[in-house]
C-alpha atoms as a PDB file:
ATOM      1  CA  ASN A   1    -231.851  43.481  60.971  1.00  0.00           C
ATOM      2  CA  SER A   2    -235.375  42.545  60.167  1.00  0.00           C
ATOM      3  CA  ILE A   3    -235.739  38.794  60.383  1.00  0.00           C
ATOM      4  CA  GLY A   4    -239.520  39.052  60.602  1.00  0.00           C
ATOM      5  CA  ASP A   5    -241.957  36.261  61.344  1.00  0.00           C
ATOM      6  CA  GLY A   6    -240.257  33.928  58.858  1.00  0.00           C
ATOM      7  CA  GLY A   7    -236.827  34.254  60.431  1.00  0.00           C
ATOM      8  CA  ALA A   8    -238.253  33.863  63.922  1.00  0.00           C
ATOM      9  CA  THR A   9    -240.081  30.727  62.796  1.00  0.00           C
ATOM     10  CA  ALA A  10    -236.879  29.227  61.355  1.00  0.00           C
ATOM     11  CA  LEU A  11    -234.977  30.009  64.579  1.00  0.00           C
ATOM     12  CA  ALA A  12    -237.748  28.609  66.761  1.00  0.00           C
ATOM     13  CA  GLU A  13    -237.927  25.362  64.802  1.00  0.00           C
ATOM     14  CA  MET A  14    -234.166  24.893  65.087  1.00  0.00           C
ATOM     15  CA  LEU A  15    -234.200  25.699  68.804  1.00  0.00           C
ATOM     16  CA  LYS A  16    -236.876  23.115  69.574  1.00  0.00           C
ATOM     17  CA  GLU A  17    -234.270  20.454  68.811  1.00  0.00           C
ATOM     18  CA  ASN A  18    -231.154  22.387  69.859  1.00  0.00           C
ATOM     19  CA  ARG A  19    -229.114  20.924  72.698  1.00  0.00           C
ATOM     20  CA  THR A  20    -226.230  23.438  72.914  1.00  0.00           C
ATOM     21  CA  LEU A  21    -227.253  27.094  72.387  1.00  0.00           C
ATOM     22  CA  GLN A  22    -227.758  28.854  75.715  1.00  0.00           C
ATOM     23  CA  GLN A  23    -228.224  32.490  74.643  1.00  0.00           C
ATOM     24  CA  LEU A  24    -230.352  34.015  71.890  1.00  0.00           C
ATOM     25  CA  ASN A  25    -230.481  37.733  71.149  1.00  0.00           C
ATOM     26  CA  VAL A  26    -232.965  38.773  68.467  1.00  0.00           C
ATOM     27  CA  SER A  27    -233.339  42.325  69.754  1.00  0.00           C
ATOM     28  CA  ARG A  28    -234.203  45.110  67.317  1.00  0.00           C
ATOM     29  CA  ASN A  29    -235.690  42.677  64.833  1.00  0.00           C
ATOM     30  CA  SER A  30    -239.264  43.149  63.772  1.00  0.00           C
ATOM     31  CA  ILE A  31    -240.376  39.640  64.636  1.00  0.00           C
ATOM     32  CA  GLY A  32    -243.822  40.937  65.533  1.00  0.00           C
ATOM     33  CA  ASP A  33    -246.720  38.961  66.902  1.00  0.00           C
ATOM     34  CA  GLY A  34    -246.186  35.867  64.762  1.00  0.00           C
ATOM     35  CA  GLY A  35    -242.546  35.635  65.780  1.00  0.00           C
ATOM     36  CA  ALA A  36    -243.432  35.959  69.460  1.00  0.00           C
ATOM     37  CA  THR A  37    -245.931  33.129  69.151  1.00  0.00           C
ATOM     38  CA  VAL A  38    -243.448  30.694  67.578  1.00  0.00           C
ATOM     39  CA  LEU A  39    -240.769  31.635  70.125  1.00  0.00           C
ATOM     40  CA  ALA A  40    -243.280  30.944  72.902  1.00  0.00           C
ATOM     41  CA  GLU A  41    -243.907  27.456  71.506  1.00  0.00           C
ATOM     42  CA  MET A  42    -240.145  26.877  71.295  1.00  0.00           C
ATOM     43  CA  LEU A  43    -239.664  27.825  74.961  1.00  0.00           C
ATOM     44  CA  LYS A  44    -242.067  25.068  75.958  1.00  0.00           C
ATOM     45  CA  GLU A  45    -239.824  22.448  74.319  1.00  0.00           C
ATOM     46  CA  ASN A  46    -236.261  23.784  74.497  1.00  0.00           C
ATOM     47  CA  ARG A  47    -234.215  22.535  77.456  1.00  0.00           C
ATOM     48  CA  THR A  48    -230.946  24.444  76.992  1.00  0.00           C
ATOM     49  CA  LEU A  49    -231.758  28.116  76.357  1.00  0.00           C
ATOM     50  CA  GLN A  50    -230.924  30.201  79.423  1.00  0.00           C
ATOM     51  CA  GLN A  51    -231.073  33.763  78.059  1.00  0.00           C
ATOM     52  CA  LEU A  52    -233.539  35.290  75.608  1.00  0.00           C
ATOM     53  CA  ASP A  53    -233.448  38.926  74.488  1.00  0.00           C
ATOM     54  CA  VAL A  54    -236.495  40.027  72.489  1.00  0.00           C
ATOM     55  CA  SER A  55    -236.178  43.736  73.238  1.00  0.00           C
ATOM     56  CA  SER A  56    -237.472  46.184  70.621  1.00  0.00           C
ATOM     57  CA  CYS A  57    -239.070  43.452  68.510  1.00  0.00           C
ATOM     58  CA  SER A  58    -242.417  45.120  67.698  1.00  0.00           C
ATOM     59  CA  MET A  59    -244.450  42.670  69.754  1.00  0.00           C
ATOM     60  CA  GLY A  60    -247.947  43.600  70.861  1.00  0.00           C
ATOM     61  CA  SER A  61    -249.412  43.060  74.312  1.00  0.00           C
ATOM     62  CA  GLU A  62    -251.206  39.829  73.411  1.00  0.00           C
ATOM     63  CA  SER A  63    -248.207  38.163  71.769  1.00  0.00           C
ATOM     64  CA  ILE A  64    -245.766  39.231  74.474  1.00  0.00           C
ATOM     65  CA  THR A  65    -248.227  37.807  77.015  1.00  0.00           C
ATOM     66  CA  THR A  66    -248.213  34.509  75.069  1.00  0.00           C
ATOM     67  CA  LEU A  67    -244.418  34.506  75.241  1.00  0.00           C
ATOM     68  CA  ILE A  68    -244.512  35.212  78.966  1.00  0.00           C
ATOM     69  CA  GLU A  69    -247.087  32.468  79.608  1.00  0.00           C
ATOM     70  CA  SER A  70    -244.730  29.940  78.017  1.00  0.00           C
ATOM     71  CA  LEU A  71    -242.434  30.510  81.000  1.00  0.00           C
ATOM     72  CA  GLN A  72    -244.782  28.262  82.976  1.00  0.00           C
ATOM     73  CA  GLU A  73    -243.396  25.343  80.978  1.00  0.00           C
ATOM     74  CA  SER A  74    -239.796  26.523  80.640  1.00  0.00           C
ATOM     75  CA  SER A  75    -237.440  24.956  83.153  1.00  0.00           C
ATOM     76  CA  THR A  76    -234.149  26.417  81.910  1.00  0.00           C
ATOM     77  CA  LEU A  77    -234.662  30.094  81.017  1.00  0.00           C
ATOM     78  CA  LEU A  78    -232.811  32.248  83.555  1.00  0.00           C
ATOM     79  CA  GLN A  79    -232.930  35.662  81.858  1.00  0.00           C
ATOM     80  CA  LEU A  80    -235.611  37.340  79.751  1.00  0.00           C
ATOM     81  CA  ASN A  81    -235.421  40.816  78.238  1.00  0.00           C
ATOM     82  CA  VAL A  82    -238.676  42.198  76.814  1.00  0.00           C
ATOM     83  CA  THR A  83    -237.624  45.866  76.889  1.00  0.00           C
ATOM     84  CA  SER A  84    -239.363  48.296  74.516  1.00  0.00           C
ATOM     85  CA  ASN A  85    -242.269  46.181  73.378  1.00  0.00           C
ATOM     86  CA  SER A  86    -245.955  46.788  74.104  1.00  0.00           C
ATOM     87  CA  LEU A  87    -246.319  44.865  77.356  1.00  0.00           C
ATOM     88  CA  GLY A  88    -248.661  47.367  79.029  1.00  0.00           C
ATOM     89  CA  SER A  89    -250.329  46.921  82.404  1.00  0.00           C
ATOM     90  CA  GLY A  90    -252.274  43.819  81.300  1.00  0.00           C
ATOM     91  CA  GLY A  91    -249.126  42.062  80.164  1.00  0.00           C
ATOM     92  CA  ALA A  92    -247.315  43.003  83.377  1.00  0.00           C
ATOM     93  CA  THR A  93    -250.199  41.619  85.427  1.00  0.00           C
ATOM     94  CA  ALA A  94    -250.115  38.373  83.426  1.00  0.00           C
ATOM     95  CA  LEU A  95    -246.357  38.264  83.921  1.00  0.00           C
ATOM     96  CA  ALA A  96    -246.754  38.590  87.689  1.00  0.00           C
ATOM     97  CA  GLY A  97    -249.104  35.605  87.701  1.00  0.00           C
ATOM     98  CA  VAL A  98    -246.692  33.486  85.660  1.00  0.00           C
ATOM     99  CA  LEU A  99    -243.695  34.435  87.786  1.00  0.00           C
ATOM    100  CA  GLU A 100    -245.428  33.117  90.890  1.00  0.00           C
ATOM    101  CA  LYS A 101    -245.171  29.661  89.321  1.00  0.00           C
ATOM    102  CA  ASN A 102    -241.814  29.961  87.537  1.00  0.00           C
ATOM    103  CA  VAL A 103    -238.861  29.002  89.741  1.00  0.00           C
ATOM    104  CA  THR A 104    -236.003  29.348  87.239  1.00  0.00           C
ATOM    105  CA  LEU A 105    -236.156  32.936  85.933  1.00  0.00           C
ATOM    106  CA  HIS A 106    -233.660  35.107  87.827  1.00  0.00           C
ATOM    107  CA  HIS A 107    -233.367  38.213  85.653  1.00  0.00           C
ATOM    108  CA  LEU A 108    -236.209  40.058  83.946  1.00  0.00           C
ATOM    109  CA  ASN A 109    -236.085  43.382  82.101  1.00  0.00           C
ATOM    110  CA  VAL A 110    -239.450  44.999  81.346  1.00  0.00           C
ATOM    111  CA  SER A 111    -238.237  48.593  80.962  1.00  0.00           C
ATOM    112  CA  THR A 112    -239.851  50.957  78.459  1.00  0.00           C
ATOM    113  CA  ASN A 113    -243.115  49.011  78.278  1.00  0.00           C
ATOM    114  CA  SER A 114    -245.660  51.462  79.721  1.00  0.00           C
ATOM    115  CA  ILE A 115    -246.741  49.019  82.424  1.00  0.00           C
ATOM    116  CA  GLY A 116    -248.187  51.823  84.551  1.00  0.00           C
ATOM    117  CA  SER A 117    -249.061  51.701  88.219  1.00  0.00           C
ATOM    118  CA  VAL A 118    -251.347  48.662  87.892  1.00  0.00           C
ATOM    119  CA  GLY A 119    -248.629  46.561  86.237  1.00  0.00           C
ATOM    120  CA  THR A 120    -245.970  47.831  88.608  1.00  0.00           C
ATOM    121  CA  THR A 121    -248.133  46.987  91.616  1.00  0.00           C
ATOM    122  CA  ALA A 122    -248.823  43.472  90.310  1.00  0.00           C
ATOM    123  CA  LEU A 123    -245.109  42.822  89.788  1.00  0.00           C
ATOM    124  CA  ALA A 124    -244.180  44.340  93.153  1.00  0.00           C
ATOM    125  CA  GLU A 125    -246.743  42.207  95.000  1.00  0.00           C
ATOM    126  CA  MET A 126    -245.414  39.087  93.286  1.00  0.00           C
ATOM    127  CA  LEU A 127    -241.877  39.823  94.468  1.00  0.00           C
END
C-alpha cells in the first residue's frame, strides 16, 4: 500500500474523534514526514488508541522525533513500533528523554533504525 501523506491525514483526522479503535497498523506505507506529523498531532488528542505500528513508513529522523515527542501527551498508547525508519542516534536520544516522562508505553520496537552506540546508551540509561 502507499497511503501517503493524504491517507495518513485522513486517518489522523478520523482518529482524533474516534472512541473505539484501539490498534492501528499503517506499516509499509509511505506516509513520510507529513504523515508522521499529522499522526503525532492525533496522538495528542486520541484517548483510545493503544497500539500504533508505523514500521517501514519512510519517516525521517525529524518527523519520527515529532511523533515520539507526542507521547508526552498520550495517556493511552501502550505499544509503538517504529521499526525500519530513520530514527538515528538523535531520535533515540530524544525518545529516551520522552520515555522518562511517559508512564503508559509498555512495548517499544526501534529495531533497524541505526541508533548507534549513542542512541543505545541513552535508551539503556533511561531504562
